[in-house]
Every structure is written in structure tokens, then in C-alpha cells.
Amino acid sequence: MRNKKTKMKQMPQKSEPNKPSSLDIFQMLTETKEKEKKKRRTELLAPLGIKEFFTEGNITINKRTCQGLECKLCIKACPTNALFWKAGEVGIAEELCVYCGACVLSCIVDDCIKITRKRDTGEVEKFSKPRDFIILQKNINTKKLVKTIKDLFAEATKKDEETKKS
């Protein structure tokens, strides 16, 4: 046997290291899809005259615990008809759901319908029981009331200072 010295050919080196492309096709596709989804949602909700309070959200129904066949209360409570009856179960039209919580309030089974929603402020809210939803709403109303009182108190203090100066 002969010993052969083989030279391995190396791939030519690029003069510049790989730079991340400033154009990310996946990001563009995702953004386009999101824009189309928002446009469709706006078109569907406009005739209903319902204002959206949440930038994004998610709703799920646990098919194992749902008693929809017997009650259908969530379908009746939904202001946008996002919940509907299909093939023996409750269906969800995500593009119509405004994550208002009416379905959770009317549901007879705890943890059957779960809603996650995000406010403009970035605050994420999750609930799946009527009690959780009521507590959440009470906290929101309390925060609004405290803010209103502080604003009124600040205005009254400002007016008092102006009258003292005159």
C-alpha cells in the first residue's frame, strides 16, 4: 500500500463575514398577516359598533368540561356572536371576539372558558371564573376612581392656590 498525501480542498473564504440581513422575510410575513387580521377584524366589528379595549387576546374553551349542549349560555351572552354552535360543541370565531368576558360570566362551569387579554398599557389579564372576572373589574374600577379623585383634588388645590394669590 502506498501512502498518499491528499490535500483537502477548503472552501474559499468570504472577504466579509456574514452579516444579518436587514430584510427578514419571516418578520415581514408575520407583520403582513397581523395587518390583514386586524383589517378583517375591524371590518367585521365596525357594523356592530363595538369599541375594542384590548390590543390582543386569546379565548379557549375546554371541550371536556363544557356543558354547551345543555345550556348554550355563553353563546347567548356573546355580544359579537363570536361563539356559535357547531357539530355538537361551542365554536369560536376568534376574529369576532373582543375578549369582553360576557361568556365567562354566564358559564355554569368554572375554568371552562379561559380568556387572556392585553390592554393598551401592556397589562395582561387572565380569567376563567366569574368570580375572577368580577374581582378584576372591581380592581379596574377602583383604580379609575382613585385616579379621578386625585385629579379632582389636584384641580381643587390648584384653584385654591390661584384664589389665594389674587
Protein backbone atom coordinates (compact mmCIF):
# COMPACT_ATOMS: atom_id res chain seq x y z
CA MET A 1 0.00 0.00 0.00
CA ARG A 2 1.11 3.38 -0.79
CA ASN A 3 0.75 6.32 1.47
CA LYS A 4 -0.97 9.05 -0.34
CA LYS A 5 -0.95 12.51 0.89
CA THR A 6 -4.21 14.06 -0.02
CA LYS A 7 -4.81 17.67 0.22
CA MET A 8 -8.20 18.66 1.43
CA LYS A 9 -9.68 21.45 -0.50
CA GLN A 10 -11.01 24.19 1.64
CA MET A 11 -13.92 26.31 0.69
CA PRO A 12 -12.94 29.80 -0.29
CA GLN A 13 -13.34 32.33 2.48
CA LYS A 14 -15.57 35.31 2.00
CA SER A 15 -13.92 38.62 2.40
CA GLU A 16 -16.72 39.87 4.67
CA PRO A 17 -18.20 37.86 7.49
CA ASN A 18 -21.88 37.00 7.18
CA LYS A 19 -23.98 39.96 8.17
CA PRO A 20 -27.53 39.50 9.34
CA SER A 21 -29.84 40.61 6.61
CA SER A 22 -31.71 43.79 7.31
CA LEU A 23 -34.65 42.25 5.49
CA ASP A 24 -36.22 39.38 7.44
CA ILE A 25 -38.80 37.63 5.26
CA PHE A 26 -40.42 35.80 8.19
CA GLN A 27 -40.91 39.00 10.11
CA MET A 28 -42.41 40.62 7.04
CA LEU A 29 -44.82 37.72 6.53
CA THR A 30 -45.86 37.81 10.17
CA GLU A 31 -46.41 41.56 10.10
CA THR A 32 -48.42 41.30 6.88
CA LYS A 33 -50.56 38.53 8.36
CA GLU A 34 -51.17 40.58 11.53
CA LYS A 35 -52.15 43.65 9.50
CA GLU A 36 -54.58 41.60 7.41
CA LYS A 37 -56.05 40.06 10.56
CA LYS A 38 -56.56 43.49 12.17
CA LYS A 39 -58.11 44.87 8.99
CA ARG A 40 -60.53 41.94 8.75
CA ARG A 41 -61.38 42.27 12.43
CA THR A 42 -62.10 45.99 12.01
CA GLU A 43 -64.34 45.28 9.02
CA LEU A 44 -66.28 42.64 10.94
CA LEU A 45 -66.71 44.66 14.15
CA ALA A 46 -67.49 48.05 12.56
CA PRO A 47 -71.18 47.31 11.84
CA LEU A 48 -71.65 46.17 15.46
CA GLY A 49 -70.41 49.50 16.84
CA ILE A 50 -68.31 47.77 19.48
CA LYS A 51 -65.18 49.53 20.71
CA GLU A 52 -62.08 47.42 21.24
CA PHE A 53 -60.32 47.89 24.57
CA PHE A 54 -57.65 45.21 24.16
CA THR A 55 -54.72 45.11 21.74
CA GLU A 56 -54.65 41.33 21.63
CA GLY A 57 -56.10 38.33 23.36
CA ASN A 58 -56.96 34.68 23.33
CA ILE A 59 -60.04 32.65 24.21
CA THR A 60 -60.22 28.89 24.70
CA ILE A 61 -63.00 26.52 25.66
CA ASN A 62 -62.33 23.25 27.44
CA LYS A 63 -64.41 20.80 25.38
CA ARG A 64 -64.27 18.18 28.14
CA THR A 65 -65.93 20.31 30.79
CA CYS A 66 -68.22 22.35 28.54
CA GLN A 67 -71.93 21.74 29.09
CA GLY A 68 -72.83 23.63 25.92
CA LEU A 69 -75.26 21.01 24.70
CA GLU A 70 -77.38 21.58 27.79
CA CYS A 71 -77.07 25.32 28.32
CA LYS A 72 -75.55 27.39 25.46
CA LEU A 73 -75.50 30.38 27.85
CA CYS A 74 -72.14 31.64 26.59
CA ILE A 75 -73.45 31.74 23.03
CA LYS A 76 -76.46 33.80 24.13
CA ALA A 77 -74.27 36.17 26.19
CA CYS A 78 -71.70 36.94 23.47
CA PRO A 79 -72.30 40.48 22.12
CA THR A 80 -70.42 39.84 18.85
CA ASN A 81 -71.60 36.29 18.07
CA ALA A 82 -68.01 35.08 18.33
CA LEU A 83 -69.31 31.91 19.98
CA PHE A 84 -71.55 29.64 17.97
CA TRP A 85 -72.90 26.11 17.96
CA LYS A 86 -71.17 23.69 15.61
CA ALA A 87 -71.25 19.90 15.36
CA GLY A 88 -72.14 19.23 18.98
CA GLU A 89 -69.80 21.79 20.55
CA VAL A 90 -69.28 25.50 21.01
CA GLY A 91 -67.12 27.03 18.28
CA ILE A 92 -65.10 30.24 18.42
CA ALA A 93 -64.73 32.85 15.68
CA GLU A 94 -61.52 34.46 17.03
CA GLU A 95 -61.74 37.45 14.69
CA LEU A 96 -65.07 38.45 16.25
CA CYS A 97 -64.12 38.02 19.92
CA VAL A 98 -63.42 41.28 21.78
CA TYR A 99 -62.44 39.45 25.00
CA CYS A 100 -65.15 41.21 26.99
CA GLY A 101 -65.73 38.31 29.40
CA ALA A 102 -69.52 38.03 28.99
CA CYS A 103 -69.15 34.33 28.17
CA VAL A 104 -67.12 33.65 31.32
CA LEU A 105 -69.69 35.48 33.46
CA SER A 106 -72.53 33.38 32.05
CA CYS A 107 -70.78 30.00 32.05
CA ILE A 108 -72.05 27.49 34.60
CA VAL A 109 -68.71 25.62 34.75
CA ASP A 110 -65.62 27.22 36.32
CA ASP A 111 -62.43 27.10 34.24
CA CYS A 112 -64.34 26.06 31.11
CA ILE A 113 -63.78 29.28 29.15
CA LYS A 114 -60.38 30.92 29.57
CA ILE A 115 -59.62 34.43 28.38
CA THR A 116 -56.24 36.14 28.21
CA ARG A 117 -56.22 39.75 27.05
CA LYS A 118 -53.72 42.57 26.79
CA ARG A 119 -54.57 46.22 27.38
CA ASP A 120 -53.02 49.20 25.56
CA THR A 121 -50.89 49.77 28.65
CA GLY A 122 -49.31 46.31 28.19
CA GLU A 123 -51.10 44.90 31.22
CA VAL A 124 -52.12 41.25 30.69
CA GLU A 125 -55.32 39.97 32.31
CA LYS A 126 -56.31 36.31 32.64
CA PHE A 127 -59.53 34.88 33.98
CA SER A 128 -61.65 31.75 33.69
CA LYS A 129 -64.18 32.06 36.50
CA PRO A 130 -66.98 34.58 37.01
CA ARG A 131 -65.55 35.42 40.43
CA ASP A 132 -62.11 36.20 38.93
CA PHE A 133 -63.69 38.43 36.30
CA ILE A 134 -65.75 40.35 38.88
CA ILE A 135 -62.69 40.90 41.09
CA LEU A 136 -60.71 42.09 38.06
CA GLN A 137 -63.44 44.56 37.07
CA LYS A 138 -63.72 45.80 40.66
CA ASN A 139 -59.94 46.43 40.78
CA ILE A 140 -60.06 48.29 37.47
CA ASN A 141 -62.98 50.43 38.65
CA THR A 142 -61.20 51.15 41.94
CA LYS A 143 -58.07 52.31 40.08
CA LYS A 144 -60.19 54.59 37.88
CA LEU A 145 -61.98 56.01 40.92
CA VAL A 146 -58.72 56.72 42.76
CA LYS A 147 -57.29 58.43 39.66
CA THR A 148 -60.43 60.56 39.27
CA ILE A 149 -60.33 61.61 42.92
CA LYS A 150 -56.62 62.51 42.66
CA ASP A 151 -57.28 64.54 39.52
CA LEU A 152 -60.19 66.38 41.16
CA PHE A 153 -58.18 67.00 44.30
CA ALA A 154 -55.29 68.38 42.23
CA GLU A 155 -57.68 70.72 40.37
CA ALA A 156 -59.28 71.92 43.61
CA THR A 157 -55.86 72.54 45.19
CA LYS A 158 -54.73 74.46 42.11
CA LYS A 159 -57.86 76.67 42.18
CA ASP A 160 -57.40 77.36 45.91
CA GLU A 161 -53.81 78.46 45.31
CA GLU A 162 -54.90 80.75 42.47
CA THR A 163 -57.62 82.41 44.61
CA LYS A 164 -55.14 82.94 47.46
CA LYS A 165 -52.74 84.69 45.09
CA SER A 166 -55.43 87.08 43.85
